[in-house]
């Protein structure tokens, strides 16, 4: 029974590490799913490589949007990936110039969250 609890705890830690960015966004921007949704344009996609015991990768999507005559930019950093191909898949889904949707804070338009 003890080893089963350790296995569950280890799995929870692995998932928390893999999805920490989504968790962080949910905690940092509570209620962001109810913010206004507007169109944005992908400016750039980058795959970052992190070295440690094993290499991990993260896709970053930089986007811009216009609201009330002002231009803003934002960035989305995807979850950790264990293969470069997985991170590149996200970049390929959102190539430069592609339209996407972002949630924009109602009173602070410089804050946005990419709607995937």
C-alpha atoms as a PDB file:
ATOM      1  CA  UNK A   1       0.000   0.000   0.000  1.00  0.00           C
ATOM      2  CA  UNK A   2       2.870   2.343   0.822  1.00  0.00           C
ATOM      3  CA  UNK A   3       4.497   1.847  -2.595  1.00  0.00           C
ATOM      4  CA  UNK A   4       1.160   2.588  -4.284  1.00  0.00           C
ATOM      5  CA  UNK A   5       0.949   5.926  -2.431  1.00  0.00           C
ATOM      6  CA  UNK A   6       4.526   6.746  -3.445  1.00  0.00           C
ATOM      7  CA  UNK A   7       3.716   5.921  -7.056  1.00  0.00           C
ATOM      8  CA  UNK A   8       0.687   8.238  -6.969  1.00  0.00           C
ATOM      9  CA  UNK A   9       2.778  11.011  -5.364  1.00  0.00           C
ATOM     10  CA  UNK A  10       5.528  10.595  -7.968  1.00  0.00           C
ATOM     11  CA  UNK A  11       2.986  10.721 -10.782  1.00  0.00           C
ATOM     12  CA  UNK A  12       1.449  13.881  -9.313  1.00  0.00           C
ATOM     13  CA  UNK A  13       4.888  15.522  -9.159  1.00  0.00           C
ATOM     14  CA  UNK A  14       5.699  14.569 -12.767  1.00  0.00           C
ATOM     15  CA  UNK A  15       2.364  15.965 -13.990  1.00  0.00           C
ATOM     16  CA  UNK A  16       2.802  19.153 -11.942  1.00  0.00           C
ATOM     17  CA  UNK A  17       6.242  19.695 -13.469  1.00  0.00           C
ATOM     18  CA  UNK A  18       5.001  19.001 -17.007  1.00  0.00           C
ATOM     19  CA  UNK A  19       1.941  21.245 -16.678  1.00  0.00           C
ATOM     20  CA  UNK A  20       3.284  23.853 -14.254  1.00  0.00           C
ATOM     21  CA  UNK A  21       2.840  26.665 -16.763  1.00  0.00           C
ATOM     22  CA  UNK A  22      -0.869  25.979 -17.213  1.00  0.00           C
ATOM     23  CA  UNK A  23      -1.257  25.783 -13.455  1.00  0.00           C
ATOM     24  CA  UNK A  24       0.678  29.032 -13.038  1.00  0.00           C
ATOM     25  CA  UNK A  25      -1.474  30.840 -15.645  1.00  0.00           C
ATOM     26  CA  UNK A  26      -4.657  29.618 -13.955  1.00  0.00           C
ATOM     27  CA  UNK A  27      -3.403  30.896 -10.610  1.00  0.00           C
ATOM     28  CA  UNK A  28      -1.976  34.161 -11.961  1.00  0.00           C
ATOM     29  CA  UNK A  29      -4.942  34.999 -14.185  1.00  0.00           C
ATOM     30  CA  UNK A  30      -7.994  33.569 -12.430  1.00  0.00           C
ATOM     31  CA  UNK A  31     -11.159  34.032 -14.436  1.00  0.00           C
ATOM     32  CA  UNK A  32      -9.230  34.735 -17.645  1.00  0.00           C
ATOM     33  CA  UNK A  33     -11.533  32.400 -19.571  1.00  0.00           C
ATOM     34  CA  UNK A  34     -14.322  34.945 -19.014  1.00  0.00           C
ATOM     35  CA  UNK A  35     -12.284  37.890 -20.355  1.00  0.00           C
ATOM     36  CA  UNK A  36     -13.161  39.273 -23.788  1.00  0.00           C
ATOM     37  CA  UNK A  37     -11.846  37.219 -26.680  1.00  0.00           C
ATOM     38  CA  UNK A  38     -10.226  39.050 -29.584  1.00  0.00           C
ATOM     39  CA  UNK A  39      -8.192  38.123 -32.648  1.00  0.00           C
ATOM     40  CA  UNK A  40      -4.415  38.180 -32.552  1.00  0.00           C
ATOM     41  CA  UNK A  41      -1.664  37.382 -35.049  1.00  0.00           C
ATOM     42  CA  UNK A  42       1.338  35.123 -34.526  1.00  0.00           C
ATOM     43  CA  UNK A  43       4.555  37.124 -34.825  1.00  0.00           C
ATOM     44  CA  UNK A  44       7.035  34.352 -34.086  1.00  0.00           C
ATOM     45  CA  UNK A  45       7.329  30.783 -32.855  1.00  0.00           C
ATOM     46  CA  UNK A  46      10.429  29.543 -31.052  1.00  0.00           C
ATOM     47  CA  UNK A  47      11.412  26.154 -29.657  1.00  0.00           C
ATOM     48  CA  UNK A  48      13.549  26.448 -26.520  1.00  0.00           C
ATOM     49  CA  UNK A  49      15.824  23.608 -25.420  1.00  0.00           C
ATOM     50  CA  UNK A  50      16.642  22.990 -21.771  1.00  0.00           C
ATOM     51  CA  UNK A  51      19.483  20.689 -20.767  1.00  0.00           C
ATOM     52  CA  UNK A  52      19.667  18.774 -17.546  1.00  0.00           C
ATOM     53  CA  UNK A  53      19.529  15.087 -16.818  1.00  0.00           C
ATOM     54  CA  UNK A  54      17.622  14.883 -20.078  1.00  0.00           C
ATOM     55  CA  UNK A  55      16.792  17.489 -22.666  1.00  0.00           C
ATOM     56  CA  UNK A  56      13.353  19.048 -22.571  1.00  0.00           C
ATOM     57  CA  UNK A  57      11.750  21.479 -24.969  1.00  0.00           C
ATOM     58  CA  UNK A  58       9.161  24.223 -24.830  1.00  0.00           C
ATOM     59  CA  UNK A  59       7.360  26.010 -27.650  1.00  0.00           C
ATOM     60  CA  UNK A  60       6.938  29.760 -27.294  1.00  0.00           C
ATOM     61  CA  UNK A  61       4.439  31.670 -29.406  1.00  0.00           C
ATOM     62  CA  UNK A  62       4.729  35.444 -29.575  1.00  0.00           C
ATOM     63  CA  UNK A  63       1.609  37.233 -30.783  1.00  0.00           C
ATOM     64  CA  UNK A  64       0.233  40.746 -31.199  1.00  0.00           C
ATOM     65  CA  UNK A  65      -3.236  42.253 -31.077  1.00  0.00           C
ATOM     66  CA  UNK A  66      -4.875  45.622 -31.475  1.00  0.00           C
ATOM     67  CA  UNK A  67      -7.445  46.939 -29.019  1.00  0.00           C
ATOM     68  CA  UNK A  68      -9.006  50.407 -29.028  1.00  0.00           C
ATOM     69  CA  UNK A  69      -6.405  51.634 -31.521  1.00  0.00           C
ATOM     70  CA  UNK A  70      -3.424  50.438 -29.456  1.00  0.00           C
ATOM     71  CA  UNK A  71      -1.103  47.549 -30.300  1.00  0.00           C
ATOM     72  CA  UNK A  72      -0.117  44.990 -27.670  1.00  0.00           C
ATOM     73  CA  UNK A  73       1.929  41.822 -27.639  1.00  0.00           C
ATOM     74  CA  UNK A  74       1.857  38.675 -25.594  1.00  0.00           C
ATOM     75  CA  UNK A  75       3.549  35.355 -25.379  1.00  0.00           C
ATOM     76  CA  UNK A  76       2.544  31.812 -24.684  1.00  0.00           C
ATOM     77  CA  UNK A  77       5.020  29.270 -23.417  1.00  0.00           C
ATOM     78  CA  UNK A  78       3.749  25.760 -23.872  1.00  0.00           C
ATOM     79  CA  UNK A  79       4.127  22.812 -21.572  1.00  0.00           C
ATOM     80  CA  UNK A  80       7.441  21.012 -21.249  1.00  0.00           C
ATOM     81  CA  UNK A  81       7.940  18.478 -24.014  1.00  0.00           C
ATOM     82  CA  UNK A  82      10.290  15.524 -23.965  1.00  0.00           C
ATOM     83  CA  UNK A  83      10.841  15.553 -27.710  1.00  0.00           C
ATOM     84  CA  UNK A  84      11.717  18.418 -29.984  1.00  0.00           C
ATOM     85  CA  UNK A  85       9.122  17.195 -32.487  1.00  0.00           C
ATOM     86  CA  UNK A  86       6.347  17.644 -29.919  1.00  0.00           C
ATOM     87  CA  UNK A  87       7.325  21.289 -29.361  1.00  0.00           C
ATOM     88  CA  UNK A  88       7.709  21.877 -33.096  1.00  0.00           C
ATOM     89  CA  UNK A  89       4.192  20.507 -33.677  1.00  0.00           C
ATOM     90  CA  UNK A  90       2.782  23.397 -31.640  1.00  0.00           C
ATOM     91  CA  UNK A  91       4.853  25.913 -33.609  1.00  0.00           C
ATOM     92  CA  UNK A  92       3.637  24.371 -36.875  1.00  0.00           C
ATOM     93  CA  UNK A  93      -0.008  24.708 -35.758  1.00  0.00           C
ATOM     94  CA  UNK A  94       0.550  28.444 -35.234  1.00  0.00           C
ATOM     95  CA  UNK A  95       2.920  29.674 -37.984  1.00  0.00           C
ATOM     96  CA  UNK A  96       3.931  33.310 -38.367  1.00  0.00           C
ATOM     97  CA  UNK A  97       0.979  35.354 -39.611  1.00  0.00           C
ATOM     98  CA  UNK A  98      -1.645  32.864 -38.394  1.00  0.00           C
ATOM     99  CA  UNK A  99      -4.736  34.209 -36.685  1.00  0.00           C
ATOM    100  CA  UNK A 100      -5.548  33.049 -33.187  1.00  0.00           C
ATOM    101  CA  UNK A 101      -7.770  34.069 -30.270  1.00  0.00           C
ATOM    102  CA  UNK A 102      -6.633  35.591 -26.983  1.00  0.00           C
ATOM    103  CA  UNK A 103      -8.468  36.499 -23.793  1.00  0.00           C
ATOM    104  CA  UNK A 104      -7.745  40.132 -22.833  1.00  0.00           C
ATOM    105  CA  UNK A 105      -8.078  41.527 -19.319  1.00  0.00           C
ATOM    106  CA  UNK A 106     -11.080  43.903 -19.165  1.00  0.00           C
ATOM    107  CA  UNK A 107      -9.230  46.839 -17.542  1.00  0.00           C
ATOM    108  CA  UNK A 108      -5.578  46.012 -18.309  1.00  0.00           C
ATOM    109  CA  UNK A 109      -5.415  45.299 -22.055  1.00  0.00           C
ATOM    110  CA  UNK A 110      -1.676  44.598 -21.893  1.00  0.00           C
ATOM    111  CA  UNK A 111      -2.554  41.341 -20.098  1.00  0.00           C
ATOM    112  CA  UNK A 112      -3.675  38.526 -22.348  1.00  0.00           C
ATOM    113  CA  UNK A 113      -3.894  34.751 -22.317  1.00  0.00           C
ATOM    114  CA  UNK A 114      -3.725  32.682 -25.485  1.00  0.00           C
ATOM    115  CA  UNK A 115      -6.870  30.661 -26.066  1.00  0.00           C
ATOM    116  CA  UNK A 116      -5.798  27.224 -27.285  1.00  0.00           C
END
